[in-house]
N, C-alpha and C. Protein backbone atom coordinates (compact mmCIF):
# COMPACT_ATOMS: atom_id res chain seq x y z
N UNK A 1 10.35 7.83 32.44
CA UNK A 1 9.32 7.09 31.77
C UNK A 1 8.93 7.82 30.50
N UNK A 2 8.62 9.24 30.85
CA UNK A 2 8.28 10.10 29.80
C UNK A 2 9.30 10.12 28.57
N UNK A 3 10.63 10.26 29.00
CA UNK A 3 11.60 10.37 28.30
C UNK A 3 11.62 8.93 27.36
N UNK A 4 11.34 7.94 27.94
CA UNK A 4 11.42 6.47 27.12
C UNK A 4 10.37 6.62 25.88
N UNK A 5 8.89 6.99 26.56
CA UNK A 5 8.11 7.41 25.61
C UNK A 5 8.23 8.26 24.20
N UNK A 6 8.56 9.35 24.53
CA UNK A 6 9.01 9.83 23.59
C UNK A 6 10.11 9.63 22.92
N UNK A 7 10.92 9.08 23.41
CA UNK A 7 12.35 8.79 22.49
C UNK A 7 11.87 7.69 21.65
N UNK A 8 10.75 6.60 21.76
CA UNK A 8 10.18 5.91 21.13
C UNK A 8 9.42 6.15 20.01
N UNK A 9 8.63 7.36 20.26
CA UNK A 9 7.99 7.81 19.34
C UNK A 9 8.78 8.55 18.30
N UNK A 10 9.97 9.40 18.83
CA UNK A 10 10.78 10.20 17.75
C UNK A 10 11.36 9.12 16.94
N UNK A 11 11.77 7.90 17.44
CA UNK A 11 12.54 7.01 16.90
C UNK A 11 11.53 6.36 15.38
N UNK A 12 10.33 6.08 15.71
CA UNK A 12 9.49 5.81 14.80
C UNK A 12 8.68 6.67 14.04
N UNK A 13 8.91 7.91 14.27
CA UNK A 13 8.11 8.88 13.70
C UNK A 13 8.25 8.84 12.13
N UNK A 14 9.34 8.12 11.46
CA UNK A 14 8.97 7.93 9.72
C UNK A 14 8.15 6.78 9.61
N UNK A 15 8.06 5.72 10.53
CA UNK A 15 6.97 4.73 10.24
C UNK A 15 5.45 5.49 10.51
N UNK A 16 5.42 6.23 11.59
CA UNK A 16 4.15 7.09 11.84
C UNK A 16 3.73 7.62 10.61
N UNK A 17 4.39 8.53 10.15
CA UNK A 17 4.23 9.57 9.23
C UNK A 17 3.81 8.73 7.74
N UNK A 18 4.55 7.34 7.39
CA UNK A 18 4.38 6.79 6.23
C UNK A 18 3.61 5.42 6.47
N UNK A 19 2.64 5.69 7.36
CA UNK A 19 1.75 4.31 7.50
C UNK A 19 0.78 4.14 6.76
N UNK A 20 0.22 4.92 5.75
CA UNK A 20 -0.77 4.89 4.75
C UNK A 20 -0.23 5.40 3.41
N UNK A 21 1.17 4.86 3.20
CA UNK A 21 1.92 5.04 2.11
C UNK A 21 1.78 3.86 1.30
N UNK A 22 2.07 3.66 0.06
CA UNK A 22 2.43 2.46 -0.48
C UNK A 22 3.46 1.45 0.10
N UNK A 23 4.38 2.03 0.28
CA UNK A 23 5.87 1.48 0.83
C UNK A 23 5.75 1.34 2.49
N UNK A 24 4.63 1.23 2.83
CA UNK A 24 4.65 1.26 4.35
C UNK A 24 5.53 0.43 5.52
N UNK A 25 5.33 -0.91 4.68
CA UNK A 25 6.29 -2.09 5.23
C UNK A 25 7.71 -1.71 5.05
N UNK A 26 7.96 -1.32 3.70
CA UNK A 26 9.45 -1.10 3.72
C UNK A 26 9.93 -0.07 4.79
N UNK A 27 9.29 1.13 4.88
CA UNK A 27 9.63 2.31 5.47
C UNK A 27 9.80 1.99 6.83
N UNK A 28 8.86 0.68 7.60
CA UNK A 28 8.85 0.21 8.79
C UNK A 28 10.19 -0.49 8.77
N UNK A 29 10.39 -1.29 8.07
CA UNK A 29 11.58 -2.14 8.09
C UNK A 29 12.98 -1.28 8.10
N UNK A 30 13.01 -0.63 7.30
CA UNK A 30 14.13 0.32 7.36
C UNK A 30 14.38 0.91 8.44
N UNK A 31 13.35 1.64 8.95
CA UNK A 31 13.20 2.32 10.14
C UNK A 31 13.70 1.32 11.65
N UNK A 32 13.24 0.36 11.81
CA UNK A 32 13.22 -0.69 12.65
C UNK A 32 14.67 -1.08 12.70
N UNK A 33 15.31 -1.78 11.38
CA UNK A 33 16.57 -2.21 11.49
C UNK A 33 17.79 -1.20 11.41
N UNK A 34 17.37 -0.11 10.74
CA UNK A 34 18.62 0.83 10.60
C UNK A 34 18.23 2.28 11.08
N UNK A 35 17.12 2.25 11.86
CA UNK A 35 16.66 3.62 12.47
C UNK A 35 17.70 4.03 13.33
N UNK A 36 18.55 3.13 14.15
CA UNK A 36 19.28 3.54 15.01
C UNK A 36 20.63 4.54 14.68
N UNK A 37 20.87 4.11 13.25
CA UNK A 37 21.80 4.96 12.62
C UNK A 37 21.18 6.14 12.35
N UNK A 38 21.81 7.32 12.44
CA UNK A 38 21.32 8.53 11.81
C UNK A 38 20.95 8.54 10.34
N UNK A 39 21.95 7.95 9.42
CA UNK A 39 21.43 8.25 8.16
C UNK A 39 20.43 7.01 8.04
N UNK A 40 20.31 5.72 8.58
CA UNK A 40 18.90 5.11 8.34
C UNK A 40 17.75 5.83 8.63
N UNK A 41 17.82 6.39 9.86
CA UNK A 41 16.51 7.31 10.05
C UNK A 41 16.24 8.36 9.51
N UNK A 42 17.19 9.14 8.78
CA UNK A 42 17.14 10.28 7.44
C UNK A 42 16.35 9.59 6.48
N UNK A 43 17.07 8.51 6.08
CA UNK A 43 16.49 7.83 4.68
C UNK A 43 15.23 7.44 4.92
N UNK A 44 14.74 6.91 6.04
CA UNK A 44 13.25 6.31 6.45
C UNK A 44 12.41 7.46 6.39
N UNK A 45 12.92 8.59 6.88
CA UNK A 45 12.28 9.88 6.86
C UNK A 45 11.87 10.34 5.53
N UNK A 46 12.91 10.54 4.54
CA UNK A 46 12.50 10.99 3.65
C UNK A 46 11.91 10.19 2.59
N UNK A 47 11.94 9.02 2.92
CA UNK A 47 11.14 7.75 2.10
C UNK A 47 9.62 8.26 2.46
N UNK A 48 9.35 8.47 3.64
CA UNK A 48 8.04 8.49 4.38
C UNK A 48 7.17 9.81 3.94
N UNK A 49 8.22 10.56 3.79
CA UNK A 49 7.57 12.13 3.30
C UNK A 49 7.56 12.16 1.86
N UNK A 50 8.24 11.57 0.96
CA UNK A 50 8.03 11.47 -0.57
C UNK A 50 7.10 10.35 -1.04
N UNK A 51 6.93 9.34 -0.23
CA UNK A 51 6.01 8.22 -1.00
C UNK A 51 4.75 8.68 -1.29
N UNK A 52 4.33 8.10 -2.26
CA UNK A 52 2.92 8.29 -2.82
C UNK A 52 1.95 7.36 -2.23
N UNK A 53 1.11 8.21 -1.41
CA UNK A 53 -0.32 7.49 -0.65
C UNK A 53 -0.68 6.25 -1.70
N UNK A 54 -1.28 5.43 -0.87
CA UNK A 54 -2.04 4.35 -1.45
C UNK A 54 -3.02 4.91 -2.29
N UNK A 55 -3.31 4.10 -3.52
CA UNK A 55 -4.31 4.44 -4.39
C UNK A 55 -5.76 3.67 -3.75
N UNK A 56 -7.03 4.34 -3.93
CA UNK A 56 -7.95 3.92 -3.39
C UNK A 56 -8.75 2.55 -3.86
N UNK A 57 -8.98 1.79 -3.60
CA UNK A 57 -9.79 0.75 -4.13
C UNK A 57 -11.13 0.83 -4.29
N UNK A 58 -11.94 0.55 -5.38
CA UNK A 58 -13.31 0.67 -5.47
C UNK A 58 -13.68 -0.54 -6.09
N UNK A 59 -14.76 -1.13 -5.16
CA UNK A 59 -15.51 -2.41 -5.48
C UNK A 59 -17.01 -1.86 -5.81
N UNK A 60 -17.32 -2.38 -7.23
CA UNK A 60 -18.53 -2.13 -8.06
C UNK A 60 -19.41 -3.38 -7.74
N UNK A 61 -20.64 -3.32 -6.85
CA UNK A 61 -21.42 -4.54 -7.03
C UNK A 61 -22.35 -4.21 -8.26
N UNK A 62 -22.79 -5.40 -8.77
CA UNK A 62 -23.67 -5.37 -9.82
C UNK A 62 -23.72 -7.01 -10.41
N UNK A 63 -24.67 -6.74 -11.41
CA UNK A 63 -25.14 -8.06 -11.89
C UNK A 63 -23.83 -8.74 -12.90
N UNK A 64 -22.90 -7.53 -13.28
CA UNK A 64 -22.00 -7.96 -14.43
C UNK A 64 -20.88 -8.81 -13.76
N UNK A 65 -20.15 -9.72 -14.59
CA UNK A 65 -19.08 -10.81 -14.19
C UNK A 65 -17.82 -9.92 -14.81
N UNK A 66 -16.63 -10.73 -14.06
CA UNK A 66 -15.06 -10.30 -14.70
C UNK A 66 -14.60 -11.47 -15.19
N UNK A 67 -14.16 -11.38 -16.33
CA UNK A 67 -13.56 -12.48 -16.97
C UNK A 67 -12.00 -12.94 -16.26
N UNK A 68 -12.22 -14.46 -16.24
CA UNK A 68 -11.24 -14.93 -15.35
C UNK A 68 -9.89 -14.94 -16.11
N UNK A 69 -9.69 -14.60 -17.26
CA UNK A 69 -8.63 -14.59 -18.08
C UNK A 69 -8.23 -13.37 -18.36
N UNK A 70 -8.70 -12.49 -18.54
CA UNK A 70 -8.20 -10.93 -19.20
C UNK A 70 -8.80 -9.78 -17.81
N UNK A 71 -9.59 -10.33 -17.20
CA UNK A 71 -10.08 -9.40 -16.10
C UNK A 71 -11.24 -8.16 -16.63
N UNK A 72 -11.48 -8.27 -17.83
CA UNK A 72 -12.46 -7.50 -18.49
C UNK A 72 -13.76 -7.71 -17.87
N UNK A 73 -14.53 -6.64 -17.64
CA UNK A 73 -16.00 -6.78 -17.21
C UNK A 73 -16.68 -7.08 -18.32
N UNK A 74 -17.93 -7.93 -18.06
CA UNK A 74 -18.55 -8.74 -19.01
C UNK A 74 -20.28 -8.24 -18.63
N UNK A 75 -21.01 -8.27 -19.53
CA UNK A 75 -22.20 -7.85 -19.50
C UNK A 75 -22.95 -9.21 -18.37
N UNK A 76 -23.96 -8.82 -17.80
CA UNK A 76 -24.38 -9.89 -16.75
C UNK A 76 -24.75 -11.09 -17.53
N UNK A 77 -25.13 -10.99 -18.42
CA UNK A 77 -25.91 -12.39 -19.01
C UNK A 77 -25.05 -13.15 -20.31
N UNK A 78 -24.00 -12.57 -20.05
CA UNK A 78 -22.67 -13.11 -21.46
C UNK A 78 -22.31 -14.13 -20.85
N UNK A 79 -22.10 -15.09 -22.05
CA UNK A 79 -21.24 -16.38 -21.71
C UNK A 79 -19.87 -16.40 -22.29
N UNK A 80 -19.53 -15.58 -22.92
CA UNK A 80 -18.40 -15.37 -23.47
C UNK A 80 -17.52 -13.73 -23.11
N UNK A 81 -16.63 -13.91 -22.61
CA UNK A 81 -15.96 -12.71 -22.86
C UNK A 81 -15.70 -11.90 -24.15
N UNK A 82 -16.18 -10.47 -23.99
CA UNK A 82 -16.00 -9.71 -25.27
C UNK A 82 -14.93 -9.36 -25.76
N UNK A 83 -13.75 -9.51 -25.02
CA UNK A 83 -12.55 -9.32 -25.19
C UNK A 83 -11.47 -10.22 -25.85
N UNK A 84 -11.70 -11.43 -24.71
CA UNK A 84 -10.64 -12.40 -25.44
C UNK A 84 -11.27 -13.40 -25.75
N UNK A 85 -12.79 -13.91 -25.60
CA UNK A 85 -13.51 -14.80 -26.14
C UNK A 85 -13.61 -16.02 -25.23
N UNK A 86 -13.13 -16.02 -24.00
CA UNK A 86 -13.00 -17.47 -23.04
C UNK A 86 -14.44 -17.50 -22.34
N UNK A 87 -14.68 -18.51 -22.02
CA UNK A 87 -16.19 -18.66 -21.21
C UNK A 87 -16.08 -18.16 -20.16
N UNK A 88 -17.40 -17.34 -19.49
CA UNK A 88 -17.07 -16.60 -18.52
C UNK A 88 -18.03 -17.65 -17.27
């Protein structure tokens, strides 16, 4: 039983290491479908170790609005976007 658990953890090691990376789904799928081949597992491990982590997303709460056309932030009381001129 212990061998089965350790073998499963070793098999999914690239997915575990790459869980917070930008390409986590691709790493998991490669590991899941081609991990049984040694070369697939090695490629998944290299990809998991070399991929960049996800960029943090910051949400700014406030009275300002965001233009639906160009995505530029607008002043709170503005009726039109200062960048593209569309009604906000």
